[in-house]
C-alpha atoms as a PDB file:
ATOM      1  CA  MET A   1       0.015  -0.088  -0.035  1.00  0.00           C
ATOM      2  CA  THR A   2       1.198   3.490  -0.797  1.00  0.00           C
ATOM      3  CA  PHE A   3       0.714   6.328   1.561  1.00  0.00           C
ATOM      4  CA  ASP A   4       0.709  10.096   0.942  1.00  0.00           C
ATOM      5  CA  ILE A   5       3.399  11.129   3.521  1.00  0.00           C
ATOM      6  CA  ARG A   6       4.007  14.831   4.141  1.00  0.00           C
ATOM      7  CA  LYS A   7       6.922  16.437   5.819  1.00  0.00           C
ATOM      8  CA  GLU A   8       6.484  19.448   8.111  1.00  0.00           C
ATOM      9  CA  ASP A   9       9.997  20.813   8.943  1.00  0.00           C
ATOM     10  CA  GLY A  10      10.581  23.644  11.395  1.00  0.00           C
ATOM     11  CA  ALA A  11      13.523  25.423  12.878  1.00  0.00           C
ATOM     12  CA  THR A  12      13.740  23.066  15.888  1.00  0.00           C
ATOM     13  CA  LYS A  13      11.099  20.412  15.330  1.00  0.00           C
ATOM     14  CA  GLY A  14       9.565  18.520  12.444  1.00  0.00           C
ATOM     15  CA  ARG A  15       7.307  15.492  11.575  1.00  0.00           C
ATOM     16  CA  PHE A  16       6.341  13.280   8.914  1.00  0.00           C
ATOM     17  CA  THR A  17       2.522  12.660   8.824  1.00  0.00           C
ATOM     18  CA  VAL A  18       0.003  10.593   7.032  1.00  0.00           C
ATOM     19  CA  THR A  19      -3.880  10.632   7.144  1.00  0.00           C
ATOM     20  CA  VAL A  20      -5.616   7.316   6.350  1.00  0.00           C
ATOM     21  CA  ASP A  21      -9.364   6.865   6.729  1.00  0.00           C
ATOM     22  CA  GLY A  22      -9.435  10.057   8.754  1.00  0.00           C
ATOM     23  CA  HIS A  23      -6.846   9.072  11.221  1.00  0.00           C
ATOM     24  CA  GLU A  24      -3.470  10.788  11.447  1.00  0.00           C
ATOM     25  CA  ALA A  25      -0.165   9.023  12.129  1.00  0.00           C
ATOM     26  CA  GLU A  26       3.035  10.862  12.723  1.00  0.00           C
ATOM     27  CA  LEU A  27       6.785  10.412  13.350  1.00  0.00           C
ATOM     28  CA  THR A  28       8.278  13.494  15.013  1.00  0.00           C
ATOM     29  CA  TYR A  29      11.751  14.666  15.349  1.00  0.00           C
ATOM     30  CA  SER A  30      13.758  17.327  16.875  1.00  0.00           C
ATOM     31  CA  ARG A  31      16.643  19.209  15.079  1.00  0.00           C
ATOM     32  CA  LEU A  32      20.003  19.252  16.669  1.00  0.00           C
ATOM     33  CA  SER A  33      21.691  20.952  13.637  1.00  0.00           C
ATOM     34  CA  PRO A  34      21.067  21.471  10.022  1.00  0.00           C
ATOM     35  CA  THR A  35      22.244  17.913   9.309  1.00  0.00           C
ATOM     36  CA  ARG A  36      21.383  15.995  12.611  1.00  0.00           C
ATOM     37  CA  ILE A  37      18.002  15.154  14.050  1.00  0.00           C
ATOM     38  CA  ILE A  38      16.501  12.939  16.796  1.00  0.00           C
ATOM     39  CA  ALA A  39      13.675  10.714  15.790  1.00  0.00           C
ATOM     40  CA  ASP A  40      11.682  10.983  19.068  1.00  0.00           C
ATOM     41  CA  HIS A  41       8.245   9.613  18.710  1.00  0.00           C
ATOM     42  CA  THR A  42       6.096   7.417  16.313  1.00  0.00           C
ATOM     43  CA  GLY A  43       2.430   7.577  16.896  1.00  0.00           C
ATOM     44  CA  VAL A  44      -0.073   5.384  14.961  1.00  0.00           C
ATOM     45  CA  PRO A  45      -3.654   5.393  15.990  1.00  0.00           C
ATOM     46  CA  GLU A  46      -4.980   1.890  16.829  1.00  0.00           C
ATOM     47  CA  ALA A  47      -7.394   2.055  13.904  1.00  0.00           C
ATOM     48  CA  LEU A  48      -4.331   2.039  11.458  1.00  0.00           C
ATOM     49  CA  GLY A  49      -2.371  -0.714  13.315  1.00  0.00           C
ATOM     50  CA  GLY A  50      -1.142  -3.472  11.181  1.00  0.00           C
ATOM     51  CA  LYS A  51      -1.430  -1.589   8.037  1.00  0.00           C
ATOM     52  CA  GLY A  52       2.254  -0.645   7.554  1.00  0.00           C
ATOM     53  CA  VAL A  53       1.646   2.972   8.392  1.00  0.00           C
ATOM     54  CA  GLY A  54       4.594   3.126  10.996  1.00  0.00           C
ATOM     55  CA  LEU A  55       6.959   1.387   8.705  1.00  0.00           C
ATOM     56  CA  ALA A  56       6.008   3.693   5.798  1.00  0.00           C
ATOM     57  CA  LEU A  57       6.695   6.750   8.194  1.00  0.00           C
ATOM     58  CA  VAL A  58      10.138   5.455   8.967  1.00  0.00           C
ATOM     59  CA  GLU A  59      10.936   4.520   5.312  1.00  0.00           C
ATOM     60  CA  ALA A  60      10.060   8.296   4.595  1.00  0.00           C
ATOM     61  CA  LEU A  61      12.359   9.477   7.294  1.00  0.00           C
ATOM     62  CA  VAL A  62      15.256   7.306   5.971  1.00  0.00           C
ATOM     63  CA  ALA A  63      14.685   8.451   2.416  1.00  0.00           C
ATOM     64  CA  ASP A  64      14.607  12.161   3.379  1.00  0.00           C
ATOM     65  CA  ALA A  65      17.824  11.639   5.541  1.00  0.00           C
ATOM     66  CA  ARG A  66      19.552  10.173   2.555  1.00  0.00           C
ATOM     67  CA  ALA A  67      18.441  12.922   0.231  1.00  0.00           C
ATOM     68  CA  THR A  68      19.412  15.676   2.501  1.00  0.00           C
ATOM     69  CA  GLY A  69      22.644  14.105   4.146  1.00  0.00           C
ATOM     70  CA  THR A  70      21.027  14.115   7.485  1.00  0.00           C
ATOM     71  CA  THR A  71      22.053  11.794  10.403  1.00  0.00           C
ATOM     72  CA  VAL A  72      19.286  10.449  12.626  1.00  0.00           C
ATOM     73  CA  VAL A  73      19.635   9.754  16.393  1.00  0.00           C
ATOM     74  CA  PRO A  74      17.077   6.975  16.839  1.00  0.00           C
ATOM     75  CA  LEU A  75      15.593   7.574  20.298  1.00  0.00           C
ATOM     76  CA  CYS A  76      12.107   6.503  19.359  1.00  0.00           C
ATOM     77  CA  PRO A  77      11.520   2.695  20.301  1.00  0.00           C
ATOM     78  CA  PHE A  78       9.521   2.020  17.163  1.00  0.00           C
ATOM     79  CA  VAL A  79      12.260   3.545  14.996  1.00  0.00           C
ATOM     80  CA  ASN A  80      14.904   1.495  16.806  1.00  0.00           C
ATOM     81  CA  ALA A  81      12.870  -1.727  16.277  1.00  0.00           C
ATOM     82  CA  GLN A  82      12.598  -0.940  12.565  1.00  0.00           C
ATOM     83  CA  LEU A  83      16.380  -0.176  12.335  1.00  0.00           C
ATOM     84  CA  ALA A  84      17.004  -3.668  13.817  1.00  0.00           C
ATOM     85  CA  ARG A  85      14.938  -5.259  11.094  1.00  0.00           C
ATOM     86  CA  HIS A  86      16.434  -3.210   8.266  1.00  0.00           C
ATOM     87  CA  PRO A  87      20.233  -2.954   8.821  1.00  0.00           C
ATOM     88  CA  ALA A  88      20.617  -1.546   5.340  1.00  0.00           C
ATOM     89  CA  TRP A  89      19.368   1.702   6.869  1.00  0.00           C
ATOM     90  CA  SER A  90      22.296   2.062   9.192  1.00  0.00           C
ATOM     91  CA  ASP A  91      23.976   4.559   6.886  1.00  0.00           C
ATOM     92  CA  VAL A  92      21.641   7.342   8.216  1.00  0.00           C
ATOM     93  CA  PHE A  93      21.448   6.207  11.849  1.00  0.00           C
ATOM     94  CA  GLU A  94      23.926   7.551  14.511  1.00  0.00           C
ATOM     95  CA  GLY A  95      25.252   4.539  16.612  1.00  0.00           C
ATOM     96  CA  ALA A  96      23.766   1.932  14.287  1.00  0.00           C
END
């Protein structure tokens, strides 16, 4: 399934969001520098559980980090769990 994921990027914080069937999921981050962020929270409503929404948000984070040369500090437990399942993403994660 393909999701229409949007990125909202502020000076100190940002997030990737997707709305499916009226429910919004998000992956939030905090900016440490122009090229370093902390992935700090992934929230997927129960109604969207098991549909791959969380994974799609992490994939968007990884693709964006690669495109912008950004390093990600993975503090979010969900992001860490996905990183463990996808070692090919270690190029964008600090400490991976």
